[in-house]
Amino acid sequence: MRKEPYDFLKALQETPSPSGFEQPVQKIVRKRMKPFADSIETDMHGNVIVGLNPKGSPRVMLAGHCDQIGMMVRYIDDKGFIFFAQIGGLDPSIIPGSRVVVHTRHGPVDGVIGRKPVHLMKPDERGAKIELRELWIDIGAKDKKEVEQVVSIGDPVTFRLDMMHLGDDFVSCPGFDNKSGVWVVMEALRLCATKKIKCALFAVSTVQEEIGLRGAKTSSHGVDPKVGIAVDVTHATDYPDLDKRTTGDLKMGAGPVIARGANINPKLEKLLFKTAKAKRIAHQTEAAPGGTGTDANAIQLTRAGVATALVSIPNRYMHTPVEIVSLSDLRSTAKLIAETVATIDRKTNFIPD
């Protein structure tokens, strides 16, 4: 991956963006995309909409949600320990002992998530289901008064955000779900800026997907696209203890994953597969028998309906502090989408037969 796109990915990953607090990462998107865009707007909801050839036809929307799961400060006890609520789908069993950052008005504050040590647990407590109320954040303060000098109720919290290389192609960091999708849609637009596309293209960094596809609902209503492609992560199934009979067979480094199912327009799906074959882009297929639970679901149901597709990036250990994606998958996904968009003009028909 060239240095400039890699630096953009690293900046996205290492900037906090829990749902409802996405604007620091949106600022990076706006700055990065300025040289390639004909227009950049931030709507009332906080979605960043990057436009290319806005007078073209049809209107095509690419969506990657920039929000990540996280936590929120709910209560500070007299001893200075911070109790928290979850933002998005958090698994309490994987977070004890994690390093976290509280993002305060005064700047970031480091902390760790504490729990009673196993040595001090009663026999019936060991192996029992972990509840969030049994966990707390320790920032090393002596009492509540000291904590309240820097931390406020409602402050967002993330796992410590640092991107780590694993081998030549894999990278690990919290929040690849789905800041990697933001990188892909923006890189696809950048690639399209080197072509003479006929459609109007809008790459959107959507907000609040993790708490109900909220940004995709508002931004797609505003953009009013005829065609929409959502980019998200999906579960790689190439590691132990997964049953491929129920999860499918998806590999890291084997290319983008094209979904098939009710959420997907059949002609747009066919165009993606045709482009992948023509451009020799390795790709995979995922069964999606119902609504996908991604921005694609919200986009498809906008106004009178949108011809929608979902292209996903294989991801290991989703919603944990150590999510993993493949850099080659990111590049291939951006290329597939850019090449597909380049084939769309006002004569392209997406009405199902």
Protein backbone atom coordinates (compact mmCIF):
# COMPACT_ATOMS: atom_id res chain seq x y z
CA MET A 1 0.00 0.00 0.00
CA ARG A 2 1.38 3.41 -0.96
CA LYS A 3 2.47 5.60 1.93
CA GLU A 4 -0.25 8.25 1.56
CA PRO A 5 -3.27 5.88 1.62
CA TYR A 6 -1.62 3.90 4.43
CA ASP A 7 -1.14 7.08 6.47
CA PHE A 8 -4.82 7.88 5.96
CA LEU A 9 -5.83 4.43 7.21
CA LYS A 10 -3.54 4.73 10.23
CA ALA A 11 -4.92 8.19 11.06
CA LEU A 12 -8.49 6.90 10.87
CA GLN A 13 -7.74 3.89 13.06
CA GLU A 14 -5.90 5.86 15.74
CA THR A 15 -8.56 8.56 16.05
CA PRO A 16 -11.48 7.83 18.43
CA SER A 17 -14.97 7.62 16.91
CA PRO A 18 -17.47 5.84 19.18
CA SER A 19 -21.08 6.32 18.04
CA GLY A 20 -22.17 9.89 18.75
CA PHE A 21 -18.59 11.17 18.97
CA GLU A 22 -17.36 10.74 15.40
CA GLN A 23 -16.34 14.29 14.49
CA PRO A 24 -12.57 13.97 15.20
CA VAL A 25 -12.33 11.20 12.59
CA GLN A 26 -14.68 13.07 10.24
CA LYS A 27 -12.28 16.02 10.32
CA ILE A 28 -9.56 13.70 9.01
CA VAL A 29 -11.86 12.51 6.21
CA ARG A 30 -12.61 16.06 5.11
CA LYS A 31 -8.95 17.07 5.07
CA ARG A 32 -7.80 13.92 3.28
CA MET A 33 -10.43 14.07 0.53
CA LYS A 34 -10.26 17.78 -0.29
CA PRO A 35 -7.78 17.36 -3.20
CA PHE A 36 -9.96 14.75 -4.93
CA ALA A 37 -13.50 16.04 -4.42
CA ASP A 38 -15.78 18.46 -6.25
CA SER A 39 -17.72 18.99 -3.03
CA ILE A 40 -17.51 18.05 0.64
CA GLU A 41 -20.42 18.59 3.01
CA THR A 42 -21.20 17.67 6.58
CA ASP A 43 -24.93 17.24 7.20
CA MET A 44 -26.90 17.98 10.36
CA HIS A 45 -26.34 14.44 11.63
CA GLY A 46 -22.55 14.59 11.20
CA ASN A 47 -22.25 12.43 8.06
CA VAL A 48 -19.45 13.61 5.76
CA ILE A 49 -20.53 13.51 2.09
CA VAL A 50 -17.76 13.71 -0.50
CA GLY A 51 -18.98 14.40 -4.04
CA LEU A 52 -17.40 13.74 -7.45
CA ASN A 53 -19.03 14.82 -10.73
CA PRO A 54 -22.21 15.86 -8.85
CA LYS A 55 -24.11 16.79 -12.03
CA GLY A 56 -23.69 13.31 -13.51
CA SER A 57 -26.35 10.62 -13.67
CA PRO A 58 -27.38 8.42 -11.99
CA ARG A 59 -26.56 9.37 -8.41
CA VAL A 60 -24.41 6.67 -6.77
CA MET A 61 -23.72 6.55 -3.03
CA LEU A 62 -20.89 4.64 -1.34
CA ALA A 63 -21.25 4.27 2.42
CA GLY A 64 -18.78 3.23 5.09
CA HIS A 65 -19.66 3.90 8.72
CA CYS A 66 -16.96 5.64 10.72
CA ASP A 67 -18.29 4.90 14.21
CA GLN A 68 -16.83 2.19 16.40
CA ILE A 69 -18.08 0.43 19.50
CA GLY A 70 -17.04 1.89 22.82
CA MET A 71 -18.12 2.80 26.32
CA MET A 72 -19.50 5.84 28.15
CA VAL A 73 -18.84 7.10 31.67
CA ARG A 74 -22.01 6.57 33.70
CA TYR A 75 -21.00 6.76 37.39
CA ILE A 76 -17.93 7.62 39.51
CA ASP A 77 -17.82 6.13 43.00
CA ASP A 78 -16.33 7.77 46.08
CA LYS A 79 -13.05 5.87 45.68
CA GLY A 80 -12.53 7.20 42.15
CA PHE A 81 -13.51 4.13 40.13
CA ILE A 82 -15.44 4.75 36.92
CA PHE A 83 -18.41 2.60 35.94
CA PHE A 84 -19.60 2.65 32.35
CA ALA A 85 -22.31 1.82 29.84
CA GLN A 86 -21.64 0.26 26.46
CA ILE A 87 -21.86 2.02 23.11
CA GLY A 88 -22.79 -0.58 20.51
CA GLY A 89 -22.30 -4.33 20.77
CA LEU A 90 -19.71 -4.88 23.48
CA ASP A 91 -18.85 -8.37 24.78
CA PRO A 92 -18.16 -8.06 28.54
CA SER A 93 -16.21 -11.33 28.57
CA ILE A 94 -13.31 -9.98 26.48
CA ILE A 95 -12.69 -6.62 28.13
CA PRO A 96 -11.36 -7.24 31.70
CA GLY A 97 -7.70 -6.22 31.76
CA SER A 98 -8.00 -4.05 28.63
CA ARG A 99 -6.21 -0.73 28.29
CA VAL A 100 -8.66 2.06 27.52
CA VAL A 101 -8.73 5.81 26.92
CA VAL A 102 -11.33 8.18 28.34
CA HIS A 103 -11.83 11.02 25.87
CA THR A 104 -12.50 14.08 28.01
CA ARG A 105 -12.91 17.80 27.37
CA HIS A 106 -9.39 18.18 28.75
CA GLY A 107 -7.85 15.56 26.50
CA PRO A 108 -7.32 11.78 26.59
CA VAL A 109 -6.96 10.03 29.95
CA ASP A 110 -5.46 6.54 30.08
CA GLY A 111 -7.05 3.82 32.16
CA VAL A 112 -7.45 0.08 32.57
CA ILE A 113 -10.56 -2.05 33.03
CA GLY A 114 -10.44 -3.79 36.38
CA ARG A 115 -12.20 -6.81 37.85
CA LYS A 116 -11.85 -8.92 40.97
CA PRO A 117 -8.84 -11.28 40.46
CA VAL A 118 -9.58 -14.96 40.00
CA HIS A 119 -7.63 -15.73 43.21
CA LEU A 120 -10.21 -13.82 45.26
CA MET A 121 -13.32 -15.21 43.61
CA LYS A 122 -15.61 -17.72 45.24
CA PRO A 123 -15.84 -21.07 43.41
CA ASP A 124 -19.28 -20.22 41.97
CA GLU A 125 -17.97 -16.90 40.63
CA ARG A 126 -15.22 -18.49 38.55
CA GLY A 127 -16.39 -19.08 35.00
CA ALA A 128 -19.68 -17.27 35.61
CA LYS A 129 -21.05 -14.85 33.02
CA ILE A 130 -19.40 -11.44 33.29
CA GLU A 131 -21.70 -8.45 33.71
CA LEU A 132 -20.69 -4.88 32.82
CA ARG A 133 -21.69 -3.72 36.31
CA GLU A 134 -18.90 -5.95 37.71
CA LEU A 135 -16.25 -4.02 35.74
CA TRP A 136 -14.79 -0.57 36.23
CA ILE A 137 -12.20 1.79 34.80
CA ASP A 138 -9.21 2.67 36.98
CA ILE A 139 -7.33 5.85 36.01
CA GLY A 140 -5.12 5.83 39.10
CA ALA A 141 -7.05 8.51 40.99
CA LYS A 142 -7.24 8.60 44.78
CA ASP A 143 -10.92 9.55 45.03
CA LYS A 144 -14.02 10.84 43.22
CA LYS A 145 -12.98 14.48 43.52
CA GLU A 146 -9.72 13.83 41.70
CA VAL A 147 -11.48 11.97 38.88
CA GLU A 148 -14.07 14.74 38.46
CA GLN A 149 -11.32 17.26 37.83
CA VAL A 150 -10.78 15.68 34.41
CA VAL A 151 -13.59 13.18 33.70
CA SER A 152 -17.29 13.96 33.26
CA ILE A 153 -20.42 11.83 33.11
CA GLY A 154 -21.08 11.01 29.44
CA ASP A 155 -17.43 11.06 28.33
CA PRO A 156 -16.79 8.39 25.67
CA VAL A 157 -14.26 5.62 26.19
CA THR A 158 -12.45 3.45 23.63
CA PHE A 159 -9.97 0.66 23.75
CA ARG A 160 -6.43 1.97 23.30
CA LEU A 161 -6.10 2.83 19.61
CA ASP A 162 -2.80 1.73 18.15
CA MET A 163 -2.42 -0.12 14.86
CA MET A 164 -0.07 -3.10 14.82
CA HIS A 165 1.34 -5.07 11.89
CA LEU A 166 1.02 -8.86 11.92
CA GLY A 167 3.21 -10.28 9.18
CA ASP A 168 3.39 -8.61 5.77
CA ASP A 169 -0.32 -8.15 5.02
CA PHE A 170 -2.37 -8.17 8.21
CA VAL A 171 -2.95 -5.25 10.60
CA SER A 172 -4.69 -5.25 13.97
CA CYS A 173 -6.45 -2.43 15.80
CA PRO A 174 -9.77 -1.71 17.51
CA GLY A 175 -12.33 -0.12 15.20
CA PHE A 176 -11.56 -1.78 11.87
CA ASP A 177 -15.32 -2.24 12.10
CA ASN A 178 -15.72 -0.02 10.25
CA LYS A 179 -13.13 2.68 9.71
CA SER A 180 -11.62 0.28 7.18
CA GLY A 181 -14.89 0.68 5.24
CA VAL A 182 -14.50 4.46 5.35
CA TRP A 183 -11.01 4.07 3.91
CA VAL A 184 -12.35 1.87 1.10
CA VAL A 185 -15.17 4.18 -0.02
CA MET A 186 -12.88 7.21 0.03
CA GLU A 187 -10.12 5.35 -1.81
CA ALA A 188 -12.70 4.21 -4.39
CA LEU A 189 -13.70 7.83 -4.97
CA ARG A 190 -10.04 8.84 -5.26
CA LEU A 191 -9.54 6.15 -7.90
CA CYS A 192 -12.64 7.35 -9.73
CA ALA A 193 -11.24 10.89 -9.73
CA THR A 194 -8.54 9.62 -12.12
CA LYS A 195 -11.25 8.44 -14.56
CA LYS A 196 -13.99 10.21 -16.50
CA ILE A 197 -17.01 8.76 -14.72
CA LYS A 198 -20.50 9.54 -16.01
CA CYS A 199 -22.44 9.02 -12.80
CA ALA A 200 -22.57 11.40 -9.86
CA LEU A 201 -20.60 9.76 -7.08
CA PHE A 202 -20.97 10.45 -3.36
CA ALA A 203 -18.73 8.68 -0.85
CA VAL A 204 -20.22 9.01 2.62
CA SER A 205 -18.57 8.49 5.98
CA THR A 206 -21.73 7.64 7.91
CA VAL A 207 -22.26 7.98 11.65
CA GLN A 208 -24.02 5.93 14.34
CA GLU A 209 -24.29 2.64 12.45
CA GLU A 210 -23.48 0.65 15.58
CA ILE A 211 -26.56 1.97 17.36
CA GLY A 212 -29.12 1.49 14.57
CA LEU A 213 -27.89 2.44 11.06
CA ARG A 214 -28.81 6.00 11.93
CA GLY A 215 -26.36 7.94 9.76
CA ALA A 216 -27.11 5.86 6.67
CA LYS A 217 -30.81 6.61 7.05
CA THR A 218 -30.33 10.38 7.12
CA SER A 219 -27.50 10.66 4.58
CA SER A 220 -29.16 8.44 1.97
CA HIS A 221 -32.34 10.48 2.30
CA GLY A 222 -30.28 13.62 1.67
CA VAL A 223 -28.14 12.26 -1.17
CA ASP A 224 -31.16 10.58 -2.79
CA PRO A 225 -29.16 8.00 -4.77
CA LYS A 226 -30.44 5.63 -7.40
CA VAL A 227 -27.60 3.21 -6.59
CA GLY A 228 -25.98 2.52 -3.23
CA ILE A 229 -23.03 0.35 -2.24
CA ALA A 230 -22.34 -0.15 1.45
CA VAL A 231 -18.89 -1.27 2.58
CA ASP A 232 -18.55 -2.96 5.94
CA VAL A 233 -16.60 -5.79 7.54
CA THR A 234 -17.82 -9.37 7.71
CA HIS A 235 -16.71 -12.34 9.76
CA ALA A 236 -13.69 -14.15 8.40
CA THR A 237 -14.14 -17.86 9.15
CA ASP A 238 -10.57 -19.08 8.64
CA TYR A 239 -9.64 -19.48 12.31
CA PRO A 240 -10.42 -22.17 14.91
CA ASP A 241 -13.76 -23.02 16.49
CA LEU A 242 -16.05 -21.72 13.74
CA ASP A 243 -18.67 -23.87 12.01
CA LYS A 244 -18.62 -23.04 8.31
CA ARG A 245 -21.95 -24.80 7.88
CA THR A 246 -23.55 -21.83 9.62
CA THR A 247 -21.01 -19.05 9.02
CA GLY A 248 -19.84 -19.73 5.47
CA ASP A 249 -16.28 -19.99 4.17
CA LEU A 250 -14.57 -16.58 4.06
CA LYS A 251 -10.82 -16.10 4.15
CA MET A 252 -8.48 -13.25 5.00
CA GLY A 253 -6.47 -12.07 2.02
CA ALA A 254 -8.80 -13.70 -0.52
CA GLY A 255 -10.44 -10.48 -1.64
CA PRO A 256 -13.69 -8.56 -1.11
CA VAL A 257 -16.88 -10.37 -0.16
CA ILE A 258 -19.92 -9.72 -2.36
CA ALA A 259 -23.24 -10.38 -0.62
CA ARG A 260 -26.21 -12.11 -2.26
CA GLY A 261 -29.74 -11.98 -0.90
CA ALA A 262 -32.87 -9.90 -0.30
CA ASN A 263 -30.93 -6.76 0.65
CA ILE A 264 -29.08 -6.82 -2.67
CA ASN A 265 -30.26 -5.58 -6.06
CA PRO A 266 -29.72 -8.53 -8.45
CA LYS A 267 -28.49 -6.40 -11.37
CA LEU A 268 -26.01 -4.47 -9.23
CA GLU A 269 -24.84 -7.76 -7.75
CA LYS A 270 -24.32 -9.15 -11.27
CA LEU A 271 -22.39 -6.02 -12.26
CA LEU A 272 -20.03 -6.43 -9.31
CA PHE A 273 -19.30 -10.06 -10.19
CA LYS A 274 -18.86 -9.19 -13.87
CA THR A 275 -16.41 -6.40 -13.01
CA ALA A 276 -14.45 -8.62 -10.63
CA LYS A 277 -14.06 -11.23 -13.35
CA ALA A 278 -13.17 -8.70 -16.07
CA LYS A 279 -10.56 -6.95 -13.94
CA ARG A 280 -9.25 -10.21 -12.44
CA ILE A 281 -10.02 -9.15 -8.88
CA ALA A 282 -10.10 -12.08 -6.45
CA HIS A 283 -13.41 -12.08 -4.60
CA GLN A 284 -15.66 -14.15 -2.34
CA THR A 285 -19.40 -14.61 -1.90
CA GLU A 286 -21.55 -14.36 1.22
CA ALA A 287 -25.14 -15.49 1.69
CA ALA A 288 -27.39 -12.77 3.15
CA PRO A 289 -30.92 -14.20 3.34
CA GLY A 290 -32.50 -11.18 5.02
CA GLY A 291 -31.70 -7.64 6.06
CA THR A 292 -27.94 -7.45 6.53
CA GLY A 293 -27.74 -5.32 9.66
CA THR A 294 -25.44 -2.92 7.77
CA ASP A 295 -25.86 0.48 6.15
CA ALA A 296 -27.03 -1.41 3.04
CA ASN A 297 -30.29 -2.17 4.83
CA ALA A 298 -31.03 1.50 5.50
CA ILE A 299 -29.95 2.62 2.02
CA GLN A 300 -32.13 0.04 0.24
CA LEU A 301 -35.25 1.26 2.04
CA THR A 302 -34.72 4.98 1.40
CA ARG A 303 -37.56 6.90 -0.24
CA ALA A 304 -38.99 4.68 -3.04
CA GLY A 305 -36.09 2.22 -2.83
CA VAL A 306 -32.45 2.16 -3.93
CA ALA A 307 -30.57 -0.43 -5.99
CA THR A 308 -28.23 -1.58 -3.21
CA ALA A 309 -25.22 -3.85 -2.78
CA LEU A 310 -23.02 -4.84 0.12
CA VAL A 311 -19.30 -5.43 -0.34
CA SER A 312 -17.47 -6.53 2.79
CA ILE A 313 -13.93 -6.84 4.11
CA PRO A 314 -13.08 -10.10 5.95
CA ASN A 315 -12.39 -9.35 9.60
CA ARG A 316 -11.14 -11.54 12.45
CA TYR A 317 -12.21 -11.00 16.08
CA MET A 318 -14.90 -8.39 15.36
CA HIS A 319 -15.89 -6.08 18.23
CA THR A 320 -12.74 -6.82 20.22
CA PRO A 321 -9.61 -4.73 20.88
CA VAL A 322 -7.65 -6.84 18.35
CA GLU A 323 -9.67 -6.79 15.12
CA ILE A 324 -7.61 -7.89 12.10
CA VAL A 325 -7.97 -7.05 8.40
CA SER A 326 -5.81 -7.60 5.34
CA LEU A 327 -4.28 -4.62 3.55
CA SER A 328 -4.53 -6.44 0.23
CA ASP A 329 -8.26 -6.98 0.84
CA LEU A 330 -8.70 -3.26 1.43
CA ARG A 331 -6.96 -2.39 -1.83
CA SER A 332 -8.91 -4.99 -3.80
CA THR A 333 -12.23 -3.85 -2.37
CA ALA A 334 -11.58 -0.22 -3.31
CA LYS A 335 -10.52 -1.25 -6.81
CA LEU A 336 -13.60 -3.44 -7.34
CA ILE A 337 -15.94 -0.64 -6.33
CA ALA A 338 -14.15 2.01 -8.39
CA GLU A 339 -14.11 -0.16 -11.50
CA THR A 340 -17.80 -1.00 -11.03
CA VAL A 341 -18.79 2.64 -10.58
CA ALA A 342 -16.87 3.54 -13.75
CA THR A 343 -19.24 1.33 -15.79
CA ILE A 344 -22.44 3.01 -14.55
CA ASP A 345 -24.16 5.65 -16.67
CA ARG A 346 -27.70 6.97 -17.15
CA LYS A 347 -28.57 4.01 -19.40
CA THR A 348 -27.65 1.37 -16.79
CA ASN A 349 -30.83 -0.42 -15.78
CA PHE A 350 -31.21 -1.66 -12.20
CA ILE A 351 -34.92 -2.57 -12.28
CA PRO A 352 -35.17 -6.29 -11.40
CA ASP A 353 -36.48 -8.45 -14.25
